[in-house]
């Protein structure tokens, strides 16, 4: 039976499913499921995940974007006619349950 092509990101997803396993254990598990991996691929995927987590933590801080978010919020208020009108708009958006 010919090997099937994996979807993009399938190997990384497989690696993320086994965070407590060593690289060699992940390679062995992958081989059992017909996925070709090597230890370096495991290390690379885990390192990429760490950098993504660092970026997401950084965006949760107060100094995000050197005040760019604050400038956008001020512009939002200005466009909507002040803070009170901006709050009404945000309340309307919240009631629509967009997120």
Protein backbone atom coordinates (compact mmCIF):
# COMPACT_ATOMS: atom_id res chain seq x y z
CA UNK A 1 0.00 0.00 0.00
CA UNK A 2 1.51 3.39 -0.99
CA UNK A 3 2.24 5.90 1.73
CA UNK A 4 -0.36 8.64 2.07
CA UNK A 5 0.70 12.24 2.21
CA UNK A 6 0.13 13.85 5.58
CA UNK A 7 -1.72 17.14 5.92
CA UNK A 8 0.37 20.21 6.61
CA UNK A 9 1.20 20.40 10.31
CA UNK A 10 0.29 16.77 11.06
CA UNK A 11 3.79 15.89 12.25
CA UNK A 12 3.99 18.93 14.51
CA UNK A 13 0.53 18.16 15.88
CA UNK A 14 1.65 14.60 16.61
CA UNK A 15 4.71 15.92 18.43
CA UNK A 16 2.59 18.35 20.48
CA UNK A 17 0.35 15.45 21.57
CA UNK A 18 3.32 13.90 23.38
CA UNK A 19 4.92 16.69 25.42
CA UNK A 20 6.19 14.46 28.23
CA UNK A 21 7.94 11.97 25.97
CA UNK A 22 11.58 12.15 24.95
CA UNK A 23 12.43 12.82 21.32
CA UNK A 24 13.40 9.19 20.72
CA UNK A 25 10.12 8.00 22.26
CA UNK A 26 8.14 10.34 20.01
CA UNK A 27 10.04 9.05 16.96
CA UNK A 28 9.22 5.46 17.95
CA UNK A 29 5.53 6.25 18.51
CA UNK A 30 5.37 8.03 15.17
CA UNK A 31 6.97 5.07 13.39
CA UNK A 32 4.29 2.77 14.85
CA UNK A 33 1.65 5.01 13.31
CA UNK A 34 3.44 5.22 9.96
CA UNK A 35 4.76 8.75 10.41
CA UNK A 36 8.36 9.36 9.46
CA UNK A 37 10.09 11.58 12.02
CA UNK A 38 13.58 12.04 13.33
CA UNK A 39 14.73 13.43 16.65
CA UNK A 40 15.79 16.74 15.13
CA UNK A 41 12.25 17.29 13.82
CA UNK A 42 10.94 16.78 17.37
CA UNK A 43 13.45 19.25 18.79
CA UNK A 44 12.62 21.81 16.08
CA UNK A 45 8.86 21.53 16.58
CA UNK A 46 9.21 21.91 20.32
CA UNK A 47 11.52 24.90 19.96
CA UNK A 48 9.05 26.57 17.58
CA UNK A 49 6.29 25.99 20.13
CA UNK A 50 8.34 27.66 22.84
CA UNK A 51 8.96 30.76 20.74
CA UNK A 52 5.23 30.97 19.96
CA UNK A 53 4.40 30.77 23.67
CA UNK A 54 6.93 33.52 24.41
CA UNK A 55 5.33 35.75 21.79
CA UNK A 56 1.84 35.16 23.15
CA UNK A 57 2.98 35.92 26.71
CA UNK A 58 4.58 39.13 25.50
CA UNK A 59 1.34 40.29 23.90
CA UNK A 60 -0.43 39.90 27.24
CA UNK A 61 1.80 42.51 28.91
CA UNK A 62 1.19 46.20 29.40
CA UNK A 63 3.92 47.33 27.04
CA UNK A 64 2.41 45.64 24.00
CA UNK A 65 3.44 47.24 20.75
CA UNK A 66 4.88 50.31 22.47
CA UNK A 67 1.41 51.80 22.99
CA UNK A 68 0.04 50.96 19.56
CA UNK A 69 -3.02 49.26 21.06
CA UNK A 70 -3.71 52.32 23.19
CA UNK A 71 -3.49 54.53 20.12
CA UNK A 72 -5.95 52.27 18.31
CA UNK A 73 -8.34 52.38 21.29
CA UNK A 74 -8.15 56.19 21.37
CA UNK A 75 -8.87 56.32 17.64
CA UNK A 76 -11.82 53.94 18.14
CA UNK A 77 -13.25 56.26 20.79
CA UNK A 78 -12.67 59.32 18.63
CA UNK A 79 -14.43 57.77 15.62
CA UNK A 80 -17.40 56.70 17.75
CA UNK A 81 -17.86 60.13 19.32
CA UNK A 82 -16.28 59.59 22.71
CA UNK A 83 -15.86 56.93 25.37
CA UNK A 84 -19.58 56.64 26.15
CA UNK A 85 -20.47 55.98 22.50
CA UNK A 86 -17.54 53.58 22.15
CA UNK A 87 -18.84 51.65 25.17
CA UNK A 88 -22.27 51.42 23.54
CA UNK A 89 -20.64 50.06 20.38
CA UNK A 90 -18.63 47.51 22.35
CA UNK A 91 -21.77 46.49 24.25
CA UNK A 92 -23.56 45.96 20.95
CA UNK A 93 -20.68 43.88 19.63
CA UNK A 94 -20.67 41.83 22.82
CA UNK A 95 -24.39 41.16 22.52
CA UNK A 96 -23.81 39.78 19.01
CA UNK A 97 -21.44 37.18 20.52
CA UNK A 98 -18.87 37.50 17.75
CA UNK A 99 -15.99 35.92 19.58
